[in-house]
Amino acid sequence: MAKSQAVDNQCPIEAGLNILSRKWKLKILWLLSSRTLRFNELQRLLGSITTKTLTQQLRELEEQEIITRKVFPEVPPKVEYSLSEIGATLKPILSQLCDWGKAYHSYQKHEKNI
């Protein structure tokens, strides 16, 4: 499970990094920032993630209250994931990180052409 420290003992940046630090978490959150998704949709959109890893990442994000998991009483079972209220506050941060990544990519391409 996620390594965590008492919130009072953490630097605010550490608290954020503790939540976002696993390989797939930012990608999962980015996908959920635009819409609610089912498990199989997330797995398909993420590509090479294993079922076990996706399950672990989703459980950690749910335990940290960043996402919500809604189970529908159907056969076969239907489960949807979405950002929680506090998770939704990450949307502008994720958007800015995406913009920064695009700018950095453009910068790198420009520097290599000089």
PDB file of N, CA and C in Angstrom:
ATOM      1  N   MET A   1       0.830  -1.191   0.000  1.00  0.00           N
ATOM      2  CA  MET A   1       0.000   0.000   0.000  1.00  0.00           C
ATOM      3  C   MET A   1       0.871   1.251   0.000  1.00  0.00           C
ATOM      4  N   ALA A   2       0.228   2.384  -0.042  1.00  0.00           N
ATOM      5  CA  ALA A   2       0.942   3.651  -0.138  1.00  0.00           C
ATOM      6  C   ALA A   2       1.726   3.925   1.142  1.00  0.00           C
ATOM      7  N   LYS A   3       2.948   4.398   0.953  1.00  0.00           N
ATOM      8  CA  LYS A   3       3.721   4.847   2.092  1.00  0.00           C
ATOM      9  C   LYS A   3       3.141   6.178   2.507  1.00  0.00           C
ATOM     10  N   SER A   4       2.881   6.322   3.806  1.00  0.00           N
ATOM     11  CA  SER A   4       2.343   7.606   4.233  1.00  0.00           C
ATOM     12  C   SER A   4       2.890   7.972   5.596  1.00  0.00           C
ATOM     13  N   GLN A   5       2.930   9.251   5.828  1.00  0.00           N
ATOM     14  CA  GLN A   5       3.342   9.801   7.103  1.00  0.00           C
ATOM     15  C   GLN A   5       2.139  10.527   7.678  1.00  0.00           C
ATOM     16  N   ALA A   6       2.206  10.814   8.961  1.00  0.00           N
ATOM     17  CA  ALA A   6       1.161  11.633   9.557  1.00  0.00           C
ATOM     18  C   ALA A   6       1.139  12.968   8.827  1.00  0.00           C
ATOM     19  N   VAL A   7      -0.050  13.438   8.496  1.00  0.00           N
ATOM     20  CA  VAL A   7      -0.197  14.669   7.727  1.00  0.00           C
ATOM     21  C   VAL A   7       0.485  15.837   8.431  1.00  0.00           C
ATOM     22  N   ASP A   8       0.410  15.889   9.765  1.00  0.00           N
ATOM     23  CA  ASP A   8       1.010  16.992  10.514  1.00  0.00           C
ATOM     24  C   ASP A   8       2.528  17.045  10.375  1.00  0.00           C
ATOM     25  N   ASN A   9       3.158  15.896  10.093  1.00  0.00           N
ATOM     26  CA  ASN A   9       4.612  15.822  10.026  1.00  0.00           C
ATOM     27  C   ASN A   9       5.145  16.024   8.614  1.00  0.00           C
ATOM     28  N   GLN A  10       4.287  16.245   7.652  1.00  0.00           N
ATOM     29  CA  GLN A  10       4.717  16.353   6.261  1.00  0.00           C
ATOM     30  C   GLN A  10       4.762  17.787   5.785  1.00  0.00           C
ATOM     31  N   CYS A  11       5.746  18.058   4.973  1.00  0.00           N
ATOM     32  CA  CYS A  11       5.774  19.293   4.202  1.00  0.00           C
ATOM     33  C   CYS A  11       4.594  19.212   3.231  1.00  0.00           C
ATOM     34  N   PRO A  12       3.915  20.299   2.929  1.00  0.00           N
ATOM     35  CA  PRO A  12       2.785  20.241   2.000  1.00  0.00           C
ATOM     36  C   PRO A  12       3.147  19.646   0.634  1.00  0.00           C
ATOM     37  N   ILE A  13       4.348  19.918   0.150  1.00  0.00           N
ATOM     38  CA  ILE A  13       4.757  19.338  -1.131  1.00  0.00           C
ATOM     39  C   ILE A  13       4.900  17.829  -0.998  1.00  0.00           C
ATOM     40  N   GLU A  14       5.442  17.366   0.122  1.00  0.00           N
ATOM     41  CA  GLU A  14       5.562  15.928   0.350  1.00  0.00           C
ATOM     42  C   GLU A  14       4.195  15.266   0.366  1.00  0.00           C
ATOM     43  N   ALA A  15       3.212  15.927   0.972  1.00  0.00           N
ATOM     44  CA  ALA A  15       1.862  15.366   1.021  1.00  0.00           C
ATOM     45  C   ALA A  15       1.327  15.160  -0.394  1.00  0.00           C
ATOM     46  N   GLY A  16       1.512  16.158  -1.252  1.00  0.00           N
ATOM     47  CA  GLY A  16       1.064  16.038  -2.638  1.00  0.00           C
ATOM     48  C   GLY A  16       1.822  14.968  -3.388  1.00  0.00           C
ATOM     49  N   LEU A  17       3.136  14.938  -3.226  1.00  0.00           N
ATOM     50  CA  LEU A  17       3.948  13.935  -3.908  1.00  0.00           C
ATOM     51  C   LEU A  17       3.640  12.532  -3.411  1.00  0.00           C
ATOM     52  N   ASN A  18       3.311  12.392  -2.136  1.00  0.00           N
ATOM     53  CA  ASN A  18       2.967  11.095  -1.576  1.00  0.00           C
ATOM     54  C   ASN A  18       1.745  10.516  -2.302  1.00  0.00           C
ATOM     55  N   ILE A  19       0.820  11.366  -2.660  1.00  0.00           N
ATOM     56  CA  ILE A  19      -0.386  10.918  -3.356  1.00  0.00           C
ATOM     57  C   ILE A  19      -0.108  10.658  -4.830  1.00  0.00           C
ATOM     58  N   LEU A  20       0.692  11.484  -5.460  1.00  0.00           N
ATOM     59  CA  LEU A  20       0.875  11.430  -6.912  1.00  0.00           C
ATOM     60  C   LEU A  20       2.118  10.661  -7.365  1.00  0.00           C
ATOM     61  N   SER A  21       2.881  10.092  -6.443  1.00  0.00           N
ATOM     62  CA  SER A  21       4.216   9.619  -6.780  1.00  0.00           C
ATOM     63  C   SER A  21       4.321   8.284  -7.501  1.00  0.00           C
ATOM     64  N   ARG A  22       3.303   7.515  -7.584  1.00  0.00           N
ATOM     65  CA  ARG A  22       3.415   6.233  -8.270  1.00  0.00           C
ATOM     66  C   ARG A  22       3.311   6.434  -9.777  1.00  0.00           C
ATOM     67  N   LYS A  23       3.909   5.513 -10.537  1.00  0.00           N
ATOM     68  CA  LYS A  23       4.035   5.653 -11.988  1.00  0.00           C
ATOM     69  C   LYS A  23       2.718   5.980 -12.694  1.00  0.00           C
ATOM     70  N   TRP A  24       1.653   5.328 -12.321  1.00  0.00           N
ATOM     71  CA  TRP A  24       0.405   5.439 -13.073  1.00  0.00           C
ATOM     72  C   TRP A  24      -0.580   6.460 -12.505  1.00  0.00           C
ATOM     73  N   LYS A  25      -0.362   6.942 -11.292  1.00  0.00           N
ATOM     74  CA  LYS A  25      -1.375   7.773 -10.634  1.00  0.00           C
ATOM     75  C   LYS A  25      -1.690   9.050 -11.397  1.00  0.00           C
ATOM     76  N   LEU A  26      -0.693   9.755 -11.887  1.00  0.00           N
ATOM     77  CA  LEU A  26      -0.972  10.987 -12.631  1.00  0.00           C
ATOM     78  C   LEU A  26      -1.774  10.693 -13.893  1.00  0.00           C
ATOM     79  N   LYS A  27      -1.438   9.605 -14.566  1.00  0.00           N
ATOM     80  CA  LYS A  27      -2.180   9.238 -15.778  1.00  0.00           C
ATOM     81  C   LYS A  27      -3.625   8.878 -15.448  1.00  0.00           C
ATOM     82  N   ILE A  28      -3.825   8.141 -14.370  1.00  0.00           N
ATOM     83  CA  ILE A  28      -5.179   7.777 -13.938  1.00  0.00           C
ATOM     84  C   ILE A  28      -5.971   9.038 -13.616  1.00  0.00           C
ATOM     85  N   LEU A  29      -5.370   9.921 -12.844  1.00  0.00           N
ATOM     86  CA  LEU A  29      -6.062  11.156 -12.463  1.00  0.00           C
ATOM     87  C   LEU A  29      -6.353  12.037 -13.671  1.00  0.00           C
ATOM     88  N   TRP A  30      -5.420  12.083 -14.615  1.00  0.00           N
ATOM     89  CA  TRP A  30      -5.636  12.876 -15.832  1.00  0.00           C
ATOM     90  C   TRP A  30      -6.857  12.352 -16.592  1.00  0.00           C
ATOM     91  N   LEU A  31      -6.958  11.037 -16.728  1.00  0.00           N
ATOM     92  CA  LEU A  31      -8.103  10.449 -17.427  1.00  0.00           C
ATOM     93  C   LEU A  31      -9.409  10.704 -16.678  1.00  0.00           C
ATOM     94  N   LEU A  32      -9.369  10.584 -15.356  1.00  0.00           N
ATOM     95  CA  LEU A  32     -10.580  10.806 -14.561  1.00  0.00           C
ATOM     96  C   LEU A  32     -10.936  12.278 -14.432  1.00  0.00           C
ATOM     97  N   SER A  33     -10.020  13.165 -14.768  1.00  0.00           N
ATOM     98  CA  SER A  33     -10.314  14.600 -14.665  1.00  0.00           C
ATOM     99  C   SER A  33     -11.318  15.044 -15.727  1.00  0.00           C
ATOM    100  N   SER A  34     -11.473  14.249 -16.773  1.00  0.00           N
ATOM    101  CA  SER A  34     -12.410  14.641 -17.835  1.00  0.00           C
ATOM    102  C   SER A  34     -13.737  13.902 -17.774  1.00  0.00           C
ATOM    103  N   ARG A  35     -13.748  12.716 -17.113  1.00  0.00           N
ATOM    104  CA  ARG A  35     -15.019  11.982 -17.045  1.00  0.00           C
ATOM    105  C   ARG A  35     -14.903  10.782 -16.108  1.00  0.00           C
ATOM    106  N   THR A  36     -16.045  10.226 -15.767  1.00  0.00           N
ATOM    107  CA  THR A  36     -16.131   9.002 -14.985  1.00  0.00           C
ATOM    108  C   THR A  36     -15.823   7.828 -15.906  1.00  0.00           C
ATOM    109  N   LEU A  37     -15.036   6.872 -15.406  1.00  0.00           N
ATOM    110  CA  LEU A  37     -14.646   5.729 -16.229  1.00  0.00           C
ATOM    111  C   LEU A  37     -14.808   4.420 -15.470  1.00  0.00           C
ATOM    112  N   ARG A  38     -15.095   3.368 -16.221  1.00  0.00           N
ATOM    113  CA  ARG A  38     -15.137   2.030 -15.661  1.00  0.00           C
ATOM    114  C   ARG A  38     -13.722   1.454 -15.676  1.00  0.00           C
ATOM    115  N   PHE A  39     -13.525   0.397 -14.888  1.00  0.00           N
ATOM    116  CA  PHE A  39     -12.206  -0.217 -14.741  1.00  0.00           C
ATOM    117  C   PHE A  39     -11.610  -0.594 -16.095  1.00  0.00           C
ATOM    118  N   ASN A  40     -12.374  -1.314 -16.906  1.00  0.00           N
ATOM    119  CA  ASN A  40     -11.850  -1.766 -18.201  1.00  0.00           C
ATOM    120  C   ASN A  40     -11.539  -0.610 -19.138  1.00  0.00           C
ATOM    121  N   GLU A  41     -12.320   0.466 -19.062  1.00  0.00           N
ATOM    122  CA  GLU A  41     -12.026   1.655 -19.882  1.00  0.00           C
ATOM    123  C   GLU A  41     -10.685   2.254 -19.469  1.00  0.00           C
ATOM    124  N   LEU A  42     -10.484   2.385 -18.156  1.00  0.00           N
ATOM    125  CA  LEU A  42      -9.212   2.911 -17.651  1.00  0.00           C
ATOM    126  C   LEU A  42      -8.049   2.043 -18.115  1.00  0.00           C
ATOM    127  N   GLN A  43      -8.196   0.741 -17.969  1.00  0.00           N
ATOM    128  CA  GLN A  43      -7.115  -0.159 -18.351  1.00  0.00           C
ATOM    129  C   GLN A  43      -6.809  -0.053 -19.846  1.00  0.00           C
ATOM    130  N   ARG A  44      -7.838   0.035 -20.661  1.00  0.00           N
ATOM    131  CA  ARG A  44      -7.634   0.153 -22.109  1.00  0.00           C
ATOM    132  C   ARG A  44      -6.941   1.476 -22.452  1.00  0.00           C
ATOM    133  N   LEU A  45      -7.373   2.561 -21.826  1.00  0.00           N
ATOM    134  CA  LEU A  45      -6.795   3.872 -22.106  1.00  0.00           C
ATOM    135  C   LEU A  45      -5.344   3.989 -21.617  1.00  0.00           C
ATOM    136  N   LEU A  46      -5.017   3.272 -20.553  1.00  0.00           N
ATOM    137  CA  LEU A  46      -3.654   3.334 -20.009  1.00  0.00           C
ATOM    138  C   LEU A  46      -2.683   2.447 -20.779  1.00  0.00           C
ATOM    139  N   GLY A  47      -3.195   1.490 -21.498  1.00  0.00           N
ATOM    140  CA  GLY A  47      -2.316   0.671 -22.336  1.00  0.00           C
ATOM    141  C   GLY A  47      -1.681  -0.492 -21.614  1.00  0.00           C
ATOM    142  N   SER A  48      -0.418  -0.351 -21.220  1.00  0.00           N
ATOM    143  CA  SER A  48       0.352  -1.496 -20.740  1.00  0.00           C
ATOM    144  C   SER A  48       0.253  -1.761 -19.237  1.00  0.00           C
ATOM    145  N   ILE A  49      -0.671  -1.148 -18.532  1.00  0.00           N
ATOM    146  CA  ILE A  49      -0.808  -1.385 -17.096  1.00  0.00           C
ATOM    147  C   ILE A  49      -1.451  -2.751 -16.858  1.00  0.00           C
ATOM    148  N   THR A  50      -0.970  -3.454 -15.839  1.00  0.00           N
ATOM    149  CA  THR A  50      -1.554  -4.754 -15.507  1.00  0.00           C
ATOM    150  C   THR A  50      -2.803  -4.553 -14.646  1.00  0.00           C
ATOM    151  N   THR A  51      -3.646  -5.561 -14.623  1.00  0.00           N
ATOM    152  CA  THR A  51      -4.858  -5.514 -13.801  1.00  0.00           C
ATOM    153  C   THR A  51      -4.490  -5.322 -12.336  1.00  0.00           C
ATOM    154  N   LYS A  52      -3.486  -6.046 -11.869  1.00  0.00           N
ATOM    155  CA  LYS A  52      -3.046  -5.955 -10.471  1.00  0.00           C
ATOM    156  C   LYS A  52      -2.579  -4.543 -10.133  1.00  0.00           C
ATOM    157  N   THR A  53      -1.754  -3.964 -10.986  1.00  0.00           N
ATOM    158  CA  THR A  53      -1.228  -2.620 -10.728  1.00  0.00           C
ATOM    159  C   THR A  53      -2.343  -1.587 -10.742  1.00  0.00           C
ATOM    160  N   LEU A  54      -3.236  -1.662 -11.720  1.00  0.00           N
ATOM    161  CA  LEU A  54      -4.347  -0.705 -11.776  1.00  0.00           C
ATOM    162  C   LEU A  54      -5.211  -0.834 -10.531  1.00  0.00           C
ATOM    163  N   THR A  55      -5.491  -2.052 -10.118  1.00  0.00           N
ATOM    164  CA  THR A  55      -6.296  -2.274  -8.910  1.00  0.00           C
ATOM    165  C   THR A  55      -5.615  -1.645  -7.698  1.00  0.00           C
ATOM    166  N   GLN A  56      -4.303  -1.852  -7.544  1.00  0.00           N
ATOM    167  CA  GLN A  56      -3.557  -1.283  -6.416  1.00  0.00           C
ATOM    168  C   GLN A  56      -3.592   0.244  -6.435  1.00  0.00           C
ATOM    169  N   GLN A  57      -3.362   0.823  -7.612  1.00  0.00           N
ATOM    170  CA  GLN A  57      -3.334   2.281  -7.730  1.00  0.00           C
ATOM    171  C   GLN A  57      -4.704   2.869  -7.407  1.00  0.00           C
ATOM    172  N   LEU A  58      -5.759   2.254  -7.925  1.00  0.00           N
ATOM    173  CA  LEU A  58      -7.112   2.744  -7.658  1.00  0.00           C
ATOM    174  C   LEU A  58      -7.457   2.617  -6.184  1.00  0.00           C
ATOM    175  N   ARG A  59      -7.075   1.523  -5.551  1.00  0.00           N
ATOM    176  CA  ARG A  59      -7.341   1.341  -4.113  1.00  0.00           C
ATOM    177  C   ARG A  59      -6.633   2.409  -3.287  1.00  0.00           C
ATOM    178  N   GLU A  60      -5.369   2.681  -3.635  1.00  0.00           N
ATOM    179  CA  GLU A  60      -4.626   3.713  -2.904  1.00  0.00           C
ATOM    180  C   GLU A  60      -5.287   5.075  -3.063  1.00  0.00           C
ATOM    181  N   LEU A  61      -5.657   5.422  -4.281  1.00  0.00           N
ATOM    182  CA  LEU A  61      -6.309   6.716  -4.520  1.00  0.00           C
ATOM    183  C   LEU A  61      -7.654   6.796  -3.807  1.00  0.00           C
ATOM    184  N   GLU A  62      -8.349   5.677  -3.732  1.00  0.00           N
ATOM    185  CA  GLU A  62      -9.625   5.653  -3.015  1.00  0.00           C
ATOM    186  C   GLU A  62      -9.396   5.797  -1.505  1.00  0.00           C
ATOM    187  N   GLU A  63      -8.393   5.091  -0.967  1.00  0.00           N
ATOM    188  CA  GLU A  63      -8.058   5.210   0.456  1.00  0.00           C
ATOM    189  C   GLU A  63      -7.658   6.642   0.813  1.00  0.00           C
ATOM    190  N   GLN A  64      -6.979   7.306  -0.119  1.00  0.00           N
ATOM    191  CA  GLN A  64      -6.546   8.684   0.100  1.00  0.00           C
ATOM    192  C   GLN A  64      -7.671   9.681  -0.178  1.00  0.00           C
ATOM    193  N   GLU A  65      -8.833   9.162  -0.567  1.00  0.00           N
ATOM    194  CA  GLU A  65     -10.040   9.948  -0.835  1.00  0.00           C
ATOM    195  C   GLU A  65      -9.889  10.904  -2.011  1.00  0.00           C
ATOM    196  N   ILE A  66      -9.019  10.545  -2.960  1.00  0.00           N
ATOM    197  CA  ILE A  66      -8.814  11.348  -4.164  1.00  0.00           C
ATOM    198  C   ILE A  66      -9.816  10.939  -5.247  1.00  0.00           C
ATOM    199  N   ILE A  67     -10.206   9.679  -5.244  1.00  0.00           N
ATOM    200  CA  ILE A  67     -11.223   9.200  -6.192  1.00  0.00           C
ATOM    201  C   ILE A  67     -12.344   8.524  -5.423  1.00  0.00           C
ATOM    202  N   THR A  68     -13.464   8.375  -6.100  1.00  0.00           N
ATOM    203  CA  THR A  68     -14.577   7.619  -5.538  1.00  0.00           C
ATOM    204  C   THR A  68     -14.850   6.418  -6.434  1.00  0.00           C
ATOM    205  N   ARG A  69     -15.330   5.381  -5.811  1.00  0.00           N
ATOM    206  CA  ARG A  69     -15.653   4.130  -6.499  1.00  0.00           C
ATOM    207  C   ARG A  69     -17.125   3.860  -6.272  1.00  0.00           C
ATOM    208  N   LYS A  70     -17.867   3.740  -7.362  1.00  0.00           N
ATOM    209  CA  LYS A  70     -19.302   3.488  -7.265  1.00  0.00           C
ATOM    210  C   LYS A  70     -19.586   2.111  -7.854  1.00  0.00           C
ATOM    211  N   VAL A  71     -20.169   1.236  -7.030  1.00  0.00           N
ATOM    212  CA  VAL A  71     -20.477  -0.125  -7.453  1.00  0.00           C
ATOM    213  C   VAL A  71     -21.977  -0.217  -7.717  1.00  0.00           C
ATOM    214  N   PHE A  72     -22.322  -0.720  -8.892  1.00  0.00           N
ATOM    215  CA  PHE A  72     -23.713  -0.914  -9.263  1.00  0.00           C
ATOM    216  C   PHE A  72     -24.071  -2.383  -9.056  1.00  0.00           C
ATOM    217  N   PRO A  73     -25.205  -2.650  -8.410  1.00  0.00           N
ATOM    218  CA  PRO A  73     -25.599  -4.048  -8.147  1.00  0.00           C
ATOM    219  C   PRO A  73     -26.153  -4.711  -9.408  1.00  0.00           C
ATOM    220  N   GLU A  74     -25.252  -5.094 -10.288  1.00  0.00           N
ATOM    221  CA  GLU A  74     -25.622  -5.713 -11.556  1.00  0.00           C
ATOM    222  C   GLU A  74     -24.797  -6.968 -11.767  1.00  0.00           C
ATOM    223  N   VAL A  75     -25.249  -7.787 -12.694  1.00  0.00           N
ATOM    224  CA  VAL A  75     -24.453  -8.932 -13.144  1.00  0.00           C
ATOM    225  C   VAL A  75     -24.263  -8.769 -14.632  1.00  0.00           C
ATOM    226  N   PRO A  76     -23.032  -8.689 -15.149  1.00  0.00           N
ATOM    227  CA  PRO A  76     -21.780  -8.658 -14.384  1.00  0.00           C
ATOM    228  C   PRO A  76     -21.642  -7.344 -13.624  1.00  0.00           C
ATOM    229  N   PRO A  77     -20.804  -7.345 -12.577  1.00  0.00           N
ATOM    230  CA  PRO A  77     -20.650  -6.141 -11.758  1.00  0.00           C
ATOM    231  C   PRO A  77     -20.185  -4.945 -12.587  1.00  0.00           C
ATOM    232  N   LYS A  78     -20.708  -3.791 -12.249  1.00  0.00           N
ATOM    233  CA  LYS A  78     -20.317  -2.545 -12.905  1.00  0.00           C
ATOM    234  C   LYS A  78     -19.752  -1.623 -11.830  1.00  0.00           C
ATOM    235  N   VAL A  79     -18.525  -1.148 -12.063  1.00  0.00           N
ATOM    236  CA  VAL A  79     -17.865  -0.252 -11.114  1.00  0.00           C
ATOM    237  C   VAL A  79     -17.376   0.958 -11.891  1.00  0.00           C
ATOM    238  N   GLU A  80     -17.663   2.137 -11.365  1.00  0.00           N
ATOM    239  CA  GLU A  80     -17.214   3.379 -11.999  1.00  0.00           C
ATOM    240  C   GLU A  80     -16.312   4.151 -11.041  1.00  0.00           C
ATOM    241  N   TYR A  81     -15.329   4.802 -11.619  1.00  0.00           N
ATOM    242  CA  TYR A  81     -14.386   5.616 -10.851  1.00  0.00           C
ATOM    243  C   TYR A  81     -14.484   7.062 -11.317  1.00  0.00           C
ATOM    244  N   SER A  82     -14.412   7.969 -10.357  1.00  0.00           N
ATOM    245  CA  SER A  82     -14.416   9.396 -10.673  1.00  0.00           C
ATOM    246  C   SER A  82     -13.619  10.123  -9.602  1.00  0.00           C
ATOM    247  N   LEU A  83     -13.296  11.371  -9.885  1.00  0.00           N
ATOM    248  CA  LEU A  83     -12.603  12.182  -8.889  1.00  0.00           C
ATOM    249  C   LEU A  83     -13.569  12.524  -7.766  1.00  0.00           C
ATOM    250  N   SER A  84     -13.076  12.493  -6.542  1.00  0.00           N
ATOM    251  CA  SER A  84     -13.863  12.927  -5.397  1.00  0.00           C
ATOM    252  C   SER A  84     -13.911  14.457  -5.395  1.00  0.00           C
ATOM    253  N   GLU A  85     -14.565  15.016  -4.425  1.00  0.00           N
ATOM    254  CA  GLU A  85     -14.626  16.481  -4.325  1.00  0.00           C
ATOM    255  C   GLU A  85     -13.224  17.066  -4.157  1.00  0.00           C
ATOM    256  N   ILE A  86     -12.432  16.472  -3.254  1.00  0.00           N
ATOM    257  CA  ILE A  86     -11.065  16.972  -3.075  1.00  0.00           C
ATOM    258  C   ILE A  86     -10.198  16.612  -4.278  1.00  0.00           C
ATOM    259  N   GLY A  87     -10.444  15.475  -4.888  1.00  0.00           N
ATOM    260  CA  GLY A  87      -9.705  15.071  -6.085  1.00  0.00           C
ATOM    261  C   GLY A  87      -9.934  16.028  -7.238  1.00  0.00           C
ATOM    262  N   ALA A  88     -11.148  16.545  -7.341  1.00  0.00           N
ATOM    263  CA  ALA A  88     -11.469  17.484  -8.422  1.00  0.00           C
ATOM    264  C   ALA A  88     -10.661  18.772  -8.309  1.00  0.00           C
ATOM    265  N   THR A  89     -10.168  19.080  -7.118  1.00  0.00           N
ATOM    266  CA  THR A  89      -9.340  20.283  -6.961  1.00  0.00           C
ATOM    267  C   THR A  89      -7.976  20.113  -7.641  1.00  0.00           C
ATOM    268  N   LEU A  90      -7.644  18.893  -8.042  1.00  0.00           N
ATOM    269  CA  LEU A  90      -6.399  18.638  -8.782  1.00  0.00           C
ATOM    270  C   LEU A  90      -6.511  19.010 -10.260  1.00  0.00           C
ATOM    271  N   LYS A  91      -7.718  19.195 -10.772  1.00  0.00           N
ATOM    272  CA  LYS A  91      -7.895  19.456 -12.206  1.00  0.00           C
ATOM    273  C   LYS A  91      -7.042  20.610 -12.721  1.00  0.00           C
ATOM    274  N   PRO A  92      -7.056  21.785 -12.082  1.00  0.00           N
ATOM    275  CA  PRO A  92      -6.216  22.874 -12.603  1.00  0.00           C
ATOM    276  C   PRO A  92      -4.720  22.559 -12.506  1.00  0.00           C
ATOM    277  N   ILE A  93      -4.324  21.811 -11.490  1.00  0.00           N
ATOM    278  CA  ILE A  93      -2.919  21.437 -11.340  1.00  0.00           C
ATOM    279  C   ILE A  93      -2.518  20.486 -12.463  1.00  0.00           C
ATOM    280  N   LEU A  94      -3.368  19.506 -12.736  1.00  0.00           N
ATOM    281  CA  LEU A  94      -3.097  18.556 -13.816  1.00  0.00           C
ATOM    282  C   LEU A  94      -3.045  19.273 -15.162  1.00  0.00           C
ATOM    283  N   SER A  95      -3.956  20.221 -15.356  1.00  0.00           N
ATOM    284  CA  SER A  95      -3.987  20.991 -16.597  1.00  0.00           C
ATOM    285  C   SER A  95      -2.712  21.814 -16.763  1.00  0.00           C
ATOM    286  N   GLN A  96      -2.279  22.452 -15.679  1.00  0.00           N
ATOM    287  CA  GLN A  96      -1.049  23.239 -15.735  1.00  0.00           C
ATOM    288  C   GLN A  96       0.162  22.354 -15.978  1.00  0.00           C
ATOM    289  N   LEU A  97       0.179  21.185 -15.369  1.00  0.00           N
ATOM    290  CA  LEU A  97       1.281  20.250 -15.584  1.00  0.00           C
ATOM    291  C   LEU A  97       1.309  19.791 -17.041  1.00  0.00           C
ATOM    292  N   CYS A  98       0.145  19.560 -17.616  1.00  0.00           N
ATOM    293  CA  CYS A  98       0.049  19.188 -19.028  1.00  0.00           C
ATOM    294  C   CYS A  98       0.579  20.324 -19.906  1.00  0.00           C
ATOM    295  N   ASP A  99       0.148  21.547 -19.623  1.00  0.00           N
ATOM    296  CA  ASP A  99       0.621  22.703 -20.396  1.00  0.00           C
ATOM    297  C   ASP A  99       2.133  22.854 -20.285  1.00  0.00           C
ATOM    298  N   TRP A 100       2.657  22.677 -19.066  1.00  0.00           N
ATOM    299  CA  TRP A 100       4.095  22.782 -18.863  1.00  0.00           C
ATOM    300  C   TRP A 100       4.822  21.699 -19.656  1.00  0.00           C
ATOM    301  N   GLY A 101       4.288  20.476 -19.636  1.00  0.00           N
ATOM    302  CA  GLY A 101       4.893  19.374 -20.381  1.00  0.00           C
ATOM    303  C   GLY A 101       4.938  19.659 -21.874  1.00  0.00           C
ATOM    304  N   LYS A 102       3.867  20.239 -22.415  1.00  0.00           N
ATOM    305  CA  LYS A 102       3.840  20.601 -23.836  1.00  0.00           C
ATOM    306  C   LYS A 102       4.886  21.675 -24.134  1.00  0.00           C
ATOM    307  N   ALA A 103       4.969  22.686 -23.259  1.00  0.00           N
ATOM    308  CA  ALA A 103       5.949  23.760 -23.454  1.00  0.00           C
ATOM    309  C   ALA A 103       7.371  23.211 -23.364  1.00  0.00           C
ATOM    310  N   TYR A 104       7.600  22.311 -22.426  1.00  0.00           N
ATOM    311  CA  TYR A 104       8.926  21.726 -22.273  1.00  0.00           C
ATOM    312  C   TYR A 104       9.285  20.887 -23.494  1.00  0.00           C
ATOM    313  N   HIS A 105       8.333  20.118 -23.982  1.00  0.00           N
ATOM    314  CA  HIS A 105       8.556  19.302 -25.181  1.00  0.00           C
ATOM    315  C   HIS A 105       8.915  20.205 -26.363  1.00  0.00           C
ATOM    316  N   SER A 106       8.188  21.302 -26.522  1.00  0.00           N
ATOM    317  CA  SER A 106       8.457  22.256 -27.596  1.00  0.00           C
ATOM    318  C   SER A 106       9.846  22.873 -27.425  1.00  0.00           C
ATOM    319  N   TYR A 107      10.195  23.227 -26.207  1.00  0.00           N
ATOM    320  CA  TYR A 107      11.506  23.790 -25.898  1.00  0.00           C
ATOM    321  C   TYR A 107      12.612  22.805 -26.272  1.00  0.00           C
ATOM    322  N   GLN A 108      12.437  21.538 -25.878  1.00  0.00           N
ATOM    323  CA  GLN A 108      13.426  20.514 -26.194  1.00  0.00           C
ATOM    324  C   GLN A 108      13.606  20.355 -27.694  1.00  0.00           C
ATOM    325  N   LYS A 109      12.511  20.351 -28.437  1.00  0.00           N
ATOM    326  CA  LYS A 109      12.597  20.224 -29.898  1.00  0.00           C
ATOM    327  C   LYS A 109      13.335  21.422 -30.489  1.00  0.00           C
ATOM    328  N   HIS A 110      13.047  22.618 -29.980  1.00  0.00           N
ATOM    329  CA  HIS A 110      13.691  23.828 -30.465  1.00  0.00           C
ATOM    330  C   HIS A 110      15.192  23.806 -30.176  1.00  0.00           C
ATOM    331  N   GLU A 111      15.575  23.404 -28.969  1.00  0.00           N
ATOM    332  CA  GLU A 111      16.978  23.373 -28.568  1.00  0.00           C
ATOM    333  C   GLU A 111      17.778  22.377 -29.409  1.00  0.00           C
ATOM    334  N   LYS A 112      17.167  21.260 -29.779  1.00  0.00           N
ATOM    335  CA  LYS A 112      17.866  20.251 -30.574  1.00  0.00           C
ATOM    336  C   LYS A 112      18.067  20.700 -32.006  1.00  0.00           C
ATOM    337  N   ASN A 113      17.231  21.625 -32.476  1.00  0.00           N
ATOM    338  CA  ASN A 113      17.340  22.120 -33.849  1.00  0.00           C
ATOM    339  C   ASN A 113      18.336  23.271 -33.993  1.00  0.00           C
ATOM    340  N   ILE A 114      18.838  23.754 -32.878  1.00  0.00           N
ATOM    341  CA  ILE A 114      19.793  24.886 -32.937  1.00  0.00           C
ATOM    342  C   ILE A 114      21.178  24.368 -33.195  1.00  0.00           C
TER     343      ILE A 114
END
